[in-house]
């Protein structure tokens, strides 16, 4: 093999990275040749090739945002107890691959001793997919990773065991754009009021045309306020999405009164047994109560336990709700049903048609 062929390609700034340069040798040698896989225990996967070759995968939960000491600890575990190959899942689980079964138990014991729970496979609550929160997101209304920590502390037993009717995918998002995606249970921020504008700073900080263009419903326009160039918001059009905040921080959208948290249920990406579905709102206006968000955790706990006790085998949360009906769901989860749950909003079409982005 030439030196050029042996060198991994340079990383791209977009698209899916090439997995082969860092892939475990057994996985690389048997790529496309797998016969079956099973789960000997929660958090442990076994893949068997058509030639009888086995590879074992141990999955452990981690925090998404890691300091260098945690990263080094995980790498040291991989070097000492695994075979030096790891990968991360989209839900921030770390997976170690080993080619012999005798390495599995010591690896599991070491991960648990260092505080990394082994689980998240099969019919369990996997790690929560979440956005960056206050650390990195440009429109944060809450700390998504903090909500994840609070919820996973509460659901620890459901992560390390496989006692749920089916897999449970939970997402959190730190703003209403919802980068976390669709989930069986989703925790998203609500902005309940239009932005409060600091007119003294707009001209010095913001490019006003960029802010006007950022609004999806054409609710922002230039204005002169107290003799200074600024912006104004048509509150009849504003949908409180928060998109104007990143290009113009003086258009403040966060406060104790305007930033709340909502819980949604029933979303899924897969098409097993039923089509992919969007999640639907069940609880709104929960307090954005850092650092433990107890009100959010209690709502999620009630939904999760009702699903665990009543759903049939292999039903996802949305499929369970479709079977029992929404009235029964609200009753079983002790969740109040209000007029705000009725999806009769008709203003979106008019608002979107005033935008240059979309017409229908």
Protein backbone atom coordinates (compact mmCIF):
# COMPACT_ATOMS: atom_id res chain seq x y z
CA UNK A 1 0.00 0.00 0.00
CA UNK A 2 1.38 3.40 -0.92
CA UNK A 3 1.92 6.12 1.66
CA UNK A 4 -0.92 8.15 0.12
CA UNK A 5 -3.33 5.21 0.46
CA UNK A 6 -2.27 4.59 4.06
CA UNK A 7 -2.87 8.16 5.20
CA UNK A 8 -6.42 8.95 6.38
CA UNK A 9 -8.12 11.62 4.34
CA UNK A 10 -8.27 15.12 5.78
CA UNK A 11 -11.47 15.87 7.68
CA UNK A 12 -14.24 17.68 5.87
CA UNK A 13 -16.13 20.57 7.36
CA UNK A 14 -19.44 19.01 6.38
CA UNK A 15 -21.04 15.65 5.75
CA UNK A 16 -20.49 12.30 7.42
CA UNK A 17 -16.84 11.56 8.32
CA UNK A 18 -15.14 8.50 6.90
CA UNK A 19 -15.44 5.79 9.59
CA UNK A 20 -12.85 3.35 8.24
CA UNK A 21 -9.54 4.91 9.37
CA UNK A 22 -10.50 4.56 13.05
CA UNK A 23 -12.73 1.48 12.87
CA UNK A 24 -12.06 -1.59 15.00
CA UNK A 25 -10.19 -4.19 12.86
CA UNK A 26 -12.87 -6.85 13.37
CA UNK A 27 -15.59 -4.45 12.24
CA UNK A 28 -13.54 -3.41 9.24
CA UNK A 29 -12.74 -6.99 8.22
CA UNK A 30 -16.40 -8.06 8.45
CA UNK A 31 -18.04 -4.96 7.05
CA UNK A 32 -21.20 -6.05 5.23
CA UNK A 33 -20.74 -9.66 6.36
CA UNK A 34 -22.74 -9.73 9.60
CA UNK A 35 -25.14 -12.60 10.26
CA UNK A 36 -26.96 -11.56 13.45
CA UNK A 37 -26.60 -9.69 16.71
CA UNK A 38 -28.07 -10.05 20.20
CA UNK A 39 -27.91 -8.47 23.67
CA UNK A 40 -26.52 -10.81 26.36
CA UNK A 41 -27.23 -8.15 29.02
CA UNK A 42 -28.26 -4.48 29.14
CA UNK A 43 -25.57 -2.31 27.65
CA UNK A 44 -23.74 -5.17 25.92
CA UNK A 45 -24.16 -6.09 22.24
CA UNK A 46 -22.73 -9.08 20.41
CA UNK A 47 -22.39 -9.12 16.62
CA UNK A 48 -21.61 -12.37 14.82
CA UNK A 49 -20.40 -12.50 11.24
CA UNK A 50 -21.35 -15.14 8.69
CA UNK A 51 -17.90 -16.63 9.25
CA UNK A 52 -18.52 -17.00 12.98
CA UNK A 53 -16.31 -14.06 14.04
CA UNK A 54 -17.65 -12.18 17.08
CA UNK A 55 -17.25 -8.63 18.30
CA UNK A 56 -18.66 -7.33 21.59
CA UNK A 57 -19.79 -3.76 22.18
CA UNK A 58 -20.18 -2.20 25.64
CA UNK A 59 -22.29 0.97 25.76
CA UNK A 60 -21.99 3.47 28.60
CA UNK A 61 -23.69 6.79 29.22
CA UNK A 62 -21.68 10.01 29.30
CA UNK A 63 -22.34 13.70 29.48
CA UNK A 64 -22.30 15.32 26.05
CA UNK A 65 -20.22 18.29 27.15
CA UNK A 66 -16.99 16.87 28.53
CA UNK A 67 -13.91 18.32 30.12
CA UNK A 68 -10.50 17.10 29.05
CA UNK A 69 -10.05 15.04 32.24
CA UNK A 70 -13.19 12.99 31.47
CA UNK A 71 -12.08 12.46 27.88
CA UNK A 72 -8.66 11.25 29.03
CA UNK A 73 -10.26 8.93 31.57
CA UNK A 74 -12.49 7.37 28.91
CA UNK A 75 -9.50 6.96 26.59
CA UNK A 76 -7.44 5.34 29.37
CA UNK A 77 -10.27 2.88 30.02
CA UNK A 78 -10.34 2.06 26.31
CA UNK A 79 -6.58 1.46 26.22
CA UNK A 80 -6.43 -0.65 29.39
CA UNK A 81 -9.69 -2.60 29.40
CA UNK A 82 -10.78 -2.56 25.75
CA UNK A 83 -8.76 -2.64 22.54
CA UNK A 84 -8.21 1.06 21.94
CA UNK A 85 -11.26 1.65 19.73
CA UNK A 86 -14.31 3.70 20.75
CA UNK A 87 -17.18 5.49 19.06
CA UNK A 88 -19.90 7.86 20.23
CA UNK A 89 -23.56 7.47 19.39
CA UNK A 90 -25.84 10.35 18.44
CA UNK A 91 -27.23 10.25 21.98
CA UNK A 92 -23.79 10.80 23.59
CA UNK A 93 -23.25 7.18 24.63
CA UNK A 94 -19.71 5.88 24.32
CA UNK A 95 -19.21 2.39 22.91
CA UNK A 96 -16.13 0.20 23.35
CA UNK A 97 -15.54 -2.73 20.97
CA UNK A 98 -13.67 -5.87 22.05
CA UNK A 99 -13.05 -9.09 20.13
CA UNK A 100 -13.16 -11.53 23.07
CA UNK A 101 -15.90 -12.09 25.62
CA UNK A 102 -13.47 -12.33 28.55
CA UNK A 103 -12.82 -8.57 28.26
CA UNK A 104 -16.48 -7.62 28.66
CA UNK A 105 -16.98 -8.03 32.42
CA UNK A 106 -13.76 -6.22 33.47
CA UNK A 107 -14.63 -3.38 31.10
CA UNK A 108 -18.17 -3.10 32.48
CA UNK A 109 -16.87 -3.16 36.07
CA UNK A 110 -14.32 -0.42 35.36
CA UNK A 111 -16.87 1.84 33.65
CA UNK A 112 -19.31 1.48 36.53
CA UNK A 113 -16.57 2.09 39.10
CA UNK A 114 -15.65 5.33 37.33
CA UNK A 115 -19.27 6.51 37.31
CA UNK A 116 -20.25 5.70 33.73
CA UNK A 117 -23.46 3.61 33.81
CA UNK A 118 -23.64 0.73 31.35
CA UNK A 119 -27.00 0.40 29.58
CA UNK A 120 -29.16 2.26 27.09
CA UNK A 121 -29.82 -0.75 24.84
CA UNK A 122 -33.03 -2.55 23.97
CA UNK A 123 -36.23 -1.60 25.79
CA UNK A 124 -34.68 1.03 27.99
CA UNK A 125 -34.51 4.80 28.31
CA UNK A 126 -31.44 5.70 26.31
CA UNK A 127 -29.36 8.79 26.95
CA UNK A 128 -31.22 11.98 26.15
CA UNK A 129 -30.42 13.69 22.86
CA UNK A 130 -29.96 17.35 23.60
CA UNK A 131 -28.72 20.65 22.26
CA UNK A 132 -25.91 22.83 23.54
CA UNK A 133 -27.79 25.00 26.02
CA UNK A 134 -26.19 28.06 27.54
CA UNK A 135 -22.66 26.88 26.74
CA UNK A 136 -22.81 27.20 22.96
CA UNK A 137 -26.29 27.69 21.46
CA UNK A 138 -26.93 31.17 20.08
CA UNK A 139 -30.62 31.35 21.10
CA UNK A 140 -30.68 29.52 24.43
CA UNK A 141 -33.65 29.81 26.71
CA UNK A 142 -32.50 27.10 29.11
CA UNK A 143 -29.56 24.79 29.76
CA UNK A 144 -30.54 21.65 27.85
CA UNK A 145 -27.65 19.63 29.29
CA UNK A 146 -28.69 20.61 32.82
CA UNK A 147 -32.22 19.35 32.19
CA UNK A 148 -30.70 16.11 30.88
CA UNK A 149 -28.62 15.66 34.04
CA UNK A 150 -31.69 16.14 36.25
CA UNK A 151 -33.84 13.74 34.21
CA UNK A 152 -31.20 11.01 33.88
CA UNK A 153 -30.61 11.08 37.64
CA UNK A 154 -34.32 10.37 38.02
CA UNK A 155 -34.35 7.70 35.29
CA UNK A 156 -31.06 5.98 36.14
CA UNK A 157 -32.68 2.58 36.79
CA UNK A 158 -34.51 2.75 33.47
CA UNK A 159 -31.20 3.30 31.68
CA UNK A 160 -29.31 0.35 33.19
CA UNK A 161 -32.27 -2.06 32.84
CA UNK A 162 -34.47 -3.11 29.91
CA UNK A 163 -37.87 -3.04 31.60
CA UNK A 164 -39.78 -0.66 29.32
CA UNK A 165 -42.38 -1.87 26.76
CA UNK A 166 -40.11 -0.56 23.98
CA UNK A 167 -37.20 1.79 23.61
CA UNK A 168 -37.82 5.30 24.89
CA UNK A 169 -36.15 8.21 23.12
CA UNK A 170 -36.15 11.50 25.00
CA UNK A 171 -34.92 14.82 23.63
CA UNK A 172 -34.36 18.27 25.05
CA UNK A 173 -33.86 21.57 23.27
CA UNK A 174 -32.70 24.89 24.63
CA UNK A 175 -34.87 26.88 22.19
CA UNK A 176 -37.98 26.50 20.07
CA UNK A 177 -36.07 25.52 16.94
CA UNK A 178 -35.83 22.08 18.61
CA UNK A 179 -32.48 20.77 17.38
CA UNK A 180 -33.08 17.81 19.68
CA UNK A 181 -35.55 16.38 17.16
CA UNK A 182 -38.67 14.31 17.57
CA UNK A 183 -38.87 12.15 20.67
CA UNK A 184 -41.18 9.83 22.60
CA UNK A 185 -40.89 12.55 25.23
CA UNK A 186 -39.46 15.97 24.34
CA UNK A 187 -38.66 18.88 26.64
CA UNK A 188 -38.50 22.19 24.79
CA UNK A 189 -38.31 25.85 25.69
CA UNK A 190 -41.27 28.14 25.14
CA UNK A 191 -40.81 31.85 24.53
CA UNK A 192 -44.11 33.29 25.62
CA UNK A 193 -43.60 37.00 24.93
CA UNK A 194 -42.12 39.10 22.10
CA UNK A 195 -38.56 40.39 22.59
CA UNK A 196 -37.88 43.36 24.84
CA UNK A 197 -35.71 45.78 22.86
CA UNK A 198 -32.89 47.86 24.31
CA UNK A 199 -33.10 50.70 21.80
CA UNK A 200 -29.89 52.35 23.06
CA UNK A 201 -27.79 49.39 21.87
CA UNK A 202 -29.43 48.28 18.62
CA UNK A 203 -27.61 50.71 16.32
CA UNK A 204 -24.21 49.89 17.86
CA UNK A 205 -24.58 46.09 17.97
CA UNK A 206 -26.99 44.94 15.26
CA UNK A 207 -27.06 44.95 11.48
CA UNK A 208 -30.69 45.90 11.16
CA UNK A 209 -31.29 44.45 7.65
CA UNK A 210 -29.97 41.07 8.85
CA UNK A 211 -32.35 41.13 11.81
CA UNK A 212 -35.31 42.04 9.61
CA UNK A 213 -34.43 39.22 7.20
CA UNK A 214 -34.06 36.70 10.07
CA UNK A 215 -37.70 37.00 11.17
CA UNK A 216 -39.75 34.17 9.60
CA UNK A 217 -43.05 36.05 9.81
CA UNK A 218 -41.95 39.58 8.80
CA UNK A 219 -42.77 40.98 12.23
CA UNK A 220 -39.65 43.19 12.54
CA UNK A 221 -39.05 46.47 10.75
CA UNK A 222 -36.62 49.41 11.09
CA UNK A 223 -37.66 52.30 13.31
CA UNK A 224 -36.32 55.50 14.84
CA UNK A 225 -36.69 55.57 18.63
CA UNK A 226 -35.66 58.67 20.62
CA UNK A 227 -33.71 59.88 17.62
CA UNK A 228 -31.72 56.63 17.32
CA UNK A 229 -31.86 54.00 14.62
CA UNK A 230 -33.52 50.92 16.07
CA UNK A 231 -36.08 48.20 15.39
CA UNK A 232 -39.69 47.56 16.29
CA UNK A 233 -41.82 44.42 16.51
CA UNK A 234 -45.37 43.99 15.26
CA UNK A 235 -46.66 41.95 18.19
CA UNK A 236 -49.73 40.83 16.23
CA UNK A 237 -47.44 38.98 13.83
CA UNK A 238 -44.72 37.89 16.26
CA UNK A 239 -44.75 34.16 17.05
CA UNK A 240 -42.15 34.49 19.85
CA UNK A 241 -39.69 32.16 18.13
CA UNK A 242 -36.53 33.90 19.33
CA UNK A 243 -34.85 33.91 15.90
CA UNK A 244 -34.10 37.64 16.15
CA UNK A 245 -31.95 37.29 19.27
CA UNK A 246 -28.75 35.77 17.74
CA UNK A 247 -28.12 38.57 15.20
CA UNK A 248 -29.25 41.19 17.71
CA UNK A 249 -28.74 40.45 21.44
CA UNK A 250 -30.41 43.76 22.47
CA UNK A 251 -33.68 42.08 21.38
CA UNK A 252 -33.80 40.13 24.62
CA UNK A 253 -36.17 37.16 24.73
CA UNK A 254 -35.25 35.54 28.05
CA UNK A 255 -36.73 36.37 31.44
CA UNK A 256 -38.46 34.59 34.28
CA UNK A 257 -41.81 35.63 32.83
CA UNK A 258 -41.19 34.97 29.13
CA UNK A 259 -39.09 31.78 29.14
CA UNK A 260 -40.98 28.61 30.09
CA UNK A 261 -40.61 24.89 29.39
CA UNK A 262 -43.08 22.58 27.64
CA UNK A 263 -43.29 18.78 27.48
CA UNK A 264 -44.31 17.02 24.26
CA UNK A 265 -44.97 13.32 23.63
CA UNK A 266 -45.45 10.82 20.83
CA UNK A 267 -42.73 11.66 18.32
CA UNK A 268 -40.66 9.02 16.57
CA UNK A 269 -38.40 8.74 13.53
CA UNK A 270 -38.78 5.03 12.81
CA UNK A 271 -41.44 3.44 10.61
CA UNK A 272 -41.64 0.16 12.55
CA UNK A 273 -45.32 -0.81 13.07
CA UNK A 274 -46.46 2.77 12.40
CA UNK A 275 -45.36 5.79 10.41
CA UNK A 276 -42.98 8.40 11.78
CA UNK A 277 -44.85 11.01 13.82
CA UNK A 278 -44.42 14.49 15.23
CA UNK A 279 -44.66 14.87 18.97
CA UNK A 280 -47.62 16.78 20.46
CA UNK A 281 -47.86 19.23 23.33
CA UNK A 282 -49.13 17.90 26.67
CA UNK A 283 -47.83 20.34 29.31
CA UNK A 284 -46.83 23.97 28.88
CA UNK A 285 -45.67 26.92 30.97
CA UNK A 286 -43.54 24.88 33.35
CA UNK A 287 -41.05 27.07 35.24
CA UNK A 288 -37.52 27.25 33.85
CA UNK A 289 -36.28 26.35 37.31
CA UNK A 290 -32.53 25.70 37.19
CA UNK A 291 -30.47 23.88 38.32
CA UNK A 292 -32.68 20.78 38.88
CA UNK A 293 -35.97 21.58 37.09
CA UNK A 294 -38.09 19.55 39.57
CA UNK A 295 -41.42 20.44 37.94
CA UNK A 296 -40.23 19.13 34.57
CA UNK A 297 -38.81 15.96 36.13
CA UNK A 298 -42.10 15.21 37.88
CA UNK A 299 -44.13 15.53 34.67
CA UNK A 300 -41.72 13.27 32.77
CA UNK A 301 -41.75 10.73 35.61
CA UNK A 302 -45.55 10.47 35.57
CA UNK A 303 -45.66 10.01 31.78
CA UNK A 304 -42.89 7.42 31.84
CA UNK A 305 -44.37 5.38 34.67
CA UNK A 306 -47.87 5.40 33.16
CA UNK A 307 -46.43 4.19 29.87
CA UNK A 308 -44.35 1.50 31.58
CA UNK A 309 -47.33 0.13 33.53
CA UNK A 310 -50.00 0.24 30.81
CA UNK A 311 -48.39 -0.10 27.36
CA UNK A 312 -48.28 -3.41 25.54
CA UNK A 313 -45.02 -5.01 24.47
CA UNK A 314 -43.30 -3.15 21.63
CA UNK A 315 -45.64 -0.14 21.73
CA UNK A 316 -43.85 3.18 21.54
CA UNK A 317 -45.34 6.03 23.57
CA UNK A 318 -47.19 7.50 20.58
CA UNK A 319 -48.63 4.10 19.66
CA UNK A 320 -49.73 3.56 23.26
CA UNK A 321 -51.53 6.92 23.25
CA UNK A 322 -53.21 6.15 19.93
CA UNK A 323 -54.56 2.93 21.44
CA UNK A 324 -55.87 4.29 24.75
CA UNK A 325 -56.90 7.73 23.45
CA UNK A 326 -55.85 11.18 24.59
CA UNK A 327 -58.53 11.56 27.31
CA UNK A 328 -57.28 8.39 28.99
CA UNK A 329 -53.67 9.54 28.61
CA UNK A 330 -54.33 12.84 30.38
CA UNK A 331 -56.18 10.98 33.12
CA UNK A 332 -53.44 8.38 33.67
CA UNK A 333 -50.64 10.94 33.75
CA UNK A 334 -52.61 13.30 36.04
CA UNK A 335 -52.12 16.06 33.50
CA UNK A 336 -54.73 18.80 33.10
CA UNK A 337 -56.29 19.22 29.66
CA UNK A 338 -56.96 22.84 28.71
CA UNK A 339 -58.32 24.69 25.70
CA UNK A 340 -54.74 25.47 24.70
CA UNK A 341 -54.26 21.80 23.75
CA UNK A 342 -56.86 22.11 20.96
CA UNK A 343 -54.99 22.63 17.71
CA UNK A 344 -57.27 25.21 16.08
CA UNK A 345 -54.66 27.89 15.35
CA UNK A 346 -55.23 29.40 11.90
CA UNK A 347 -52.92 32.42 12.04
CA UNK A 348 -49.82 30.63 10.85
CA UNK A 349 -50.86 30.67 7.20
CA UNK A 350 -51.42 34.40 7.18
CA UNK A 351 -48.16 35.09 9.03
CA UNK A 352 -46.05 32.81 6.84
CA UNK A 353 -47.53 34.27 3.67
CA UNK A 354 -46.27 37.70 4.71
CA UNK A 355 -42.74 36.31 4.68
CA UNK A 356 -40.41 36.17 1.69
CA UNK A 357 -39.34 32.66 2.70
CA UNK A 358 -42.46 30.55 2.23
CA UNK A 359 -45.85 30.95 0.56
CA UNK A 360 -48.80 28.57 0.57
